[in-house]
Amino acid sequence: MAQIIDVVNDHGRKPVLTPLFITCDPNRDDPASLKKYLAGNPLQDHPDSEFHPDIIGLTGTYDDIRQTCKAFRVYFSTPPNVKPGQDYLVDHSIFFYLMDPENNFVEVYGRNLGYDDTAKRISDHIKDWEKAHQE
């Protein structure tokens, strides 16, 4: 995702993407821990997994996250009856969603495309939107 953000923003006159990361684990991801998570490299064995510094982390209540995931058809599962401080895994689907400046859905991206192809598709959508909304 970081490479996609850099490629798309380098092709523009100014940064055109506002990348958001929405947690699927609001029980552990309060605003402070989410900020720390996005600032670091959570997967030390995978140096290309670092997050882009422009990514904004979002969290909320469990019900907020559940409703958001349902709206975007994102699967996630946390184990039931987790005790405070207990470690656990969160299973979830991994998608990137492109929304236009009016918050309309444009396209979803999975891991089936490389970052160059994804960046090109996003850039093409941006050009099409700008052309359609010229004054």
C-alpha atoms as a PDB file:
ATOM      1  CA  MET A   1       0.000   0.000   0.000  1.00  0.00           C
ATOM      2  CA  ALA A   2       2.853   2.381   0.800  1.00  0.00           C
ATOM      3  CA  GLN A   3       4.267   1.938  -2.690  1.00  0.00           C
ATOM      4  CA  ILE A   4       0.847   2.534  -4.242  1.00  0.00           C
ATOM      5  CA  ILE A   5       0.400   5.764  -2.280  1.00  0.00           C
ATOM      6  CA  ASP A   6       3.839   7.002  -3.345  1.00  0.00           C
ATOM      7  CA  VAL A   7       3.316   6.144  -7.020  1.00  0.00           C
ATOM      8  CA  VAL A   8      -0.143   7.735  -7.213  1.00  0.00           C
ATOM      9  CA  ASN A   9       0.856  10.862  -5.314  1.00  0.00           C
ATOM     10  CA  ASP A  10       4.069  11.283  -7.353  1.00  0.00           C
ATOM     11  CA  HIS A  11       2.007  11.430 -10.536  1.00  0.00           C
ATOM     12  CA  GLY A  12      -0.124  14.261  -9.199  1.00  0.00           C
ATOM     13  CA  ARG A  13       0.489  17.922  -8.618  1.00  0.00           C
ATOM     14  CA  LYS A  14      -0.201  17.403  -4.927  1.00  0.00           C
ATOM     15  CA  PRO A  15      -1.100  14.378  -2.807  1.00  0.00           C
ATOM     16  CA  VAL A  16      -4.460  13.160  -4.025  1.00  0.00           C
ATOM     17  CA  LEU A  17      -5.045  10.165  -1.767  1.00  0.00           C
ATOM     18  CA  THR A  18      -6.139  10.209   1.844  1.00  0.00           C
ATOM     19  CA  PRO A  19      -5.310   6.661   2.930  1.00  0.00           C
ATOM     20  CA  LEU A  20      -7.295   5.284   5.861  1.00  0.00           C
ATOM     21  CA  PHE A  21      -6.656   2.156   7.916  1.00  0.00           C
ATOM     22  CA  ILE A  22      -9.693   0.877   9.810  1.00  0.00           C
ATOM     23  CA  THR A  23      -8.939  -1.625  12.535  1.00  0.00           C
ATOM     24  CA  CYS A  24     -10.806  -4.903  12.817  1.00  0.00           C
ATOM     25  CA  ASP A  25      -9.723  -5.191  16.461  1.00  0.00           C
ATOM     26  CA  PRO A  26     -11.151  -2.258  18.416  1.00  0.00           C
ATOM     27  CA  ASN A  27     -10.717  -4.120  21.718  1.00  0.00           C
ATOM     28  CA  ARG A  28      -6.932  -3.713  21.480  1.00  0.00           C
ATOM     29  CA  ASP A  29      -6.681  -0.824  19.019  1.00  0.00           C
ATOM     30  CA  ASP A  30      -7.431   2.340  20.930  1.00  0.00           C
ATOM     31  CA  PRO A  31      -6.248   5.552  19.210  1.00  0.00           C
ATOM     32  CA  ALA A  32      -2.828   5.542  20.938  1.00  0.00           C
ATOM     33  CA  SER A  33      -2.004   1.898  20.178  1.00  0.00           C
ATOM     34  CA  LEU A  34      -3.257   2.235  16.596  1.00  0.00           C
ATOM     35  CA  LYS A  35      -1.035   5.279  16.072  1.00  0.00           C
ATOM     36  CA  LYS A  36       1.955   3.347  17.447  1.00  0.00           C
ATOM     37  CA  TYR A  37       1.121   0.311  15.273  1.00  0.00           C
ATOM     38  CA  LEU A  38       0.944   2.389  12.095  1.00  0.00           C
ATOM     39  CA  ALA A  39       4.182   4.214  12.934  1.00  0.00           C
ATOM     40  CA  GLY A  40       6.200   1.011  13.322  1.00  0.00           C
ATOM     41  CA  ASN A  41       6.897  -2.165  11.458  1.00  0.00           C
ATOM     42  CA  PRO A  42       4.494  -4.744  12.902  1.00  0.00           C
ATOM     43  CA  LEU A  43       6.020  -7.595  10.935  1.00  0.00           C
ATOM     44  CA  GLN A  44       9.747  -7.409  11.627  1.00  0.00           C
ATOM     45  CA  ASP A  45      10.432 -10.303   9.263  1.00  0.00           C
ATOM     46  CA  HIS A  46       8.788  -8.467   6.367  1.00  0.00           C
ATOM     47  CA  PRO A  47      10.501  -5.099   5.793  1.00  0.00           C
ATOM     48  CA  ASP A  48       8.112  -4.191   2.978  1.00  0.00           C
ATOM     49  CA  SER A  49       5.176  -4.271   5.409  1.00  0.00           C
ATOM     50  CA  GLU A  50       5.845  -0.838   6.859  1.00  0.00           C
ATOM     51  CA  PHE A  51       2.912   1.516   6.728  1.00  0.00           C
ATOM     52  CA  HIS A  52       2.990   4.764   4.801  1.00  0.00           C
ATOM     53  CA  PRO A  53       3.273   7.820   7.083  1.00  0.00           C
ATOM     54  CA  ASP A  54       0.186   9.398   5.464  1.00  0.00           C
ATOM     55  CA  ILE A  55      -2.124   6.573   6.576  1.00  0.00           C
ATOM     56  CA  ILE A  56      -4.719   7.712   9.095  1.00  0.00           C
ATOM     57  CA  GLY A  57      -5.797   5.066  11.591  1.00  0.00           C
ATOM     58  CA  LEU A  58      -9.457   4.763  12.559  1.00  0.00           C
ATOM     59  CA  THR A  59     -11.013   2.823  15.391  1.00  0.00           C
ATOM     60  CA  GLY A  60     -14.316   2.839  17.237  1.00  0.00           C
ATOM     61  CA  THR A  61     -16.570   0.624  19.255  1.00  0.00           C
ATOM     62  CA  TYR A  62     -16.937  -3.026  18.364  1.00  0.00           C
ATOM     63  CA  ASP A  63     -20.412  -2.274  16.962  1.00  0.00           C
ATOM     64  CA  ASP A  64     -19.027   0.617  14.848  1.00  0.00           C
ATOM     65  CA  ILE A  65     -16.364  -1.664  13.375  1.00  0.00           C
ATOM     66  CA  ARG A  66     -18.852  -4.498  12.825  1.00  0.00           C
ATOM     67  CA  GLN A  67     -21.223  -2.165  10.949  1.00  0.00           C
ATOM     68  CA  THR A  68     -18.392  -0.707   8.861  1.00  0.00           C
ATOM     69  CA  CYS A  69     -17.120  -4.169   7.962  1.00  0.00           C
ATOM     70  CA  LYS A  70     -20.634  -5.267   7.035  1.00  0.00           C
ATOM     71  CA  ALA A  71     -21.120  -2.197   4.819  1.00  0.00           C
ATOM     72  CA  PHE A  72     -17.898  -2.957   2.934  1.00  0.00           C
ATOM     73  CA  ARG A  73     -18.360  -6.735   3.002  1.00  0.00           C
ATOM     74  CA  VAL A  74     -15.212  -7.293   5.028  1.00  0.00           C
ATOM     75  CA  TYR A  75     -15.004 -10.522   6.970  1.00  0.00           C
ATOM     76  CA  PHE A  76     -13.472 -10.409  10.437  1.00  0.00           C
ATOM     77  CA  SER A  77     -13.547 -12.666  13.448  1.00  0.00           C
ATOM     78  CA  THR A  78     -12.283 -12.264  16.983  1.00  0.00           C
ATOM     79  CA  PRO A  79     -12.444 -15.056  19.526  1.00  0.00           C
ATOM     80  CA  PRO A  80     -15.326 -14.940  22.000  1.00  0.00           C
ATOM     81  CA  ASN A  81     -14.787 -14.325  25.706  1.00  0.00           C
ATOM     82  CA  VAL A  82     -11.309 -12.799  25.480  1.00  0.00           C
ATOM     83  CA  LYS A  83     -10.004 -11.679  28.848  1.00  0.00           C
ATOM     84  CA  PRO A  84      -8.200  -8.300  29.207  1.00  0.00           C
ATOM     85  CA  GLY A  85      -4.502  -8.690  28.351  1.00  0.00           C
ATOM     86  CA  GLN A  86      -5.006 -12.093  26.737  1.00  0.00           C
ATOM     87  CA  ASP A  87      -3.293 -12.561  23.369  1.00  0.00           C
ATOM     88  CA  TYR A  88      -5.364 -13.692  20.400  1.00  0.00           C
ATOM     89  CA  LEU A  89      -5.446 -13.614  16.611  1.00  0.00           C
ATOM     90  CA  VAL A  90      -7.901 -11.645  14.496  1.00  0.00           C
ATOM     91  CA  ASP A  91      -8.879 -13.219  11.206  1.00  0.00           C
ATOM     92  CA  HIS A  92      -9.977 -10.777   8.498  1.00  0.00           C
ATOM     93  CA  SER A  93     -10.134 -10.195   4.793  1.00  0.00           C
ATOM     94  CA  ILE A  94      -7.642  -7.755   3.284  1.00  0.00           C
ATOM     95  CA  PHE A  95      -8.914  -5.211   0.790  1.00  0.00           C
ATOM     96  CA  PHE A  96      -8.128  -1.681  -0.301  1.00  0.00           C
ATOM     97  CA  TYR A  97     -11.125   0.427  -1.277  1.00  0.00           C
ATOM     98  CA  LEU A  98     -10.950   3.441  -3.555  1.00  0.00           C
ATOM     99  CA  MET A  99     -13.563   6.055  -2.757  1.00  0.00           C
ATOM    100  CA  ASP A 100     -13.997   9.252  -4.741  1.00  0.00           C
ATOM    101  CA  PRO A 101     -13.866  12.734  -3.152  1.00  0.00           C
ATOM    102  CA  GLU A 102     -17.645  12.545  -2.643  1.00  0.00           C
ATOM    103  CA  ASN A 103     -17.250   9.261  -0.672  1.00  0.00           C
ATOM    104  CA  ASN A 104     -18.693   7.105  -3.439  1.00  0.00           C
ATOM    105  CA  PHE A 105     -17.285   3.617  -3.943  1.00  0.00           C
ATOM    106  CA  VAL A 106     -15.078   3.331  -7.047  1.00  0.00           C
ATOM    107  CA  GLU A 107     -13.215   0.017  -6.898  1.00  0.00           C
ATOM    108  CA  VAL A 108     -11.867  -2.609  -4.517  1.00  0.00           C
ATOM    109  CA  TYR A 109      -8.367  -4.062  -4.705  1.00  0.00           C
ATOM    110  CA  GLY A 110      -7.157  -7.345  -3.310  1.00  0.00           C
ATOM    111  CA  ARG A 111      -3.717  -8.840  -3.304  1.00  0.00           C
ATOM    112  CA  ASN A 112      -4.177 -10.252  -6.814  1.00  0.00           C
ATOM    113  CA  LEU A 113      -2.697  -7.140  -8.481  1.00  0.00           C
ATOM    114  CA  GLY A 114       0.839  -5.864  -8.117  1.00  0.00           C
ATOM    115  CA  TYR A 115       1.369  -2.370  -6.804  1.00  0.00           C
ATOM    116  CA  ASP A 116       2.191  -0.956 -10.265  1.00  0.00           C
ATOM    117  CA  ASP A 117      -1.087  -2.240 -11.736  1.00  0.00           C
ATOM    118  CA  THR A 118      -3.083  -1.057  -8.738  1.00  0.00           C
ATOM    119  CA  ALA A 119      -1.429   2.386  -8.795  1.00  0.00           C
ATOM    120  CA  LYS A 120      -2.176   2.711 -12.521  1.00  0.00           C
ATOM    121  CA  ARG A 121      -5.825   1.779 -12.050  1.00  0.00           C
ATOM    122  CA  ILE A 122      -6.183   4.260  -9.181  1.00  0.00           C
ATOM    123  CA  SER A 123      -4.432   6.994 -11.180  1.00  0.00           C
ATOM    124  CA  ASP A 124      -6.722   6.326 -14.156  1.00  0.00           C
ATOM    125  CA  HIS A 125      -9.802   6.609 -11.905  1.00  0.00           C
ATOM    126  CA  ILE A 126      -8.495   9.901 -10.510  1.00  0.00           C
ATOM    127  CA  LYS A 127      -7.952  11.293 -14.013  1.00  0.00           C
ATOM    128  CA  ASP A 128     -11.441  10.194 -15.069  1.00  0.00           C
ATOM    129  CA  TRP A 129     -13.014  11.796 -11.984  1.00  0.00           C
ATOM    130  CA  GLU A 130     -11.080  15.051 -12.467  1.00  0.00           C
ATOM    131  CA  LYS A 131     -12.075  15.190 -16.148  1.00  0.00           C
ATOM    132  CA  ALA A 132     -15.732  14.634 -15.309  1.00  0.00           C
ATOM    133  CA  HIS A 133     -15.670  17.315 -12.585  1.00  0.00           C
ATOM    134  CA  GLN A 134     -13.807  20.123 -14.335  1.00  0.00           C
ATOM    135  CA  GLU A 135     -15.509  23.446 -14.053  1.00  0.00           C
END
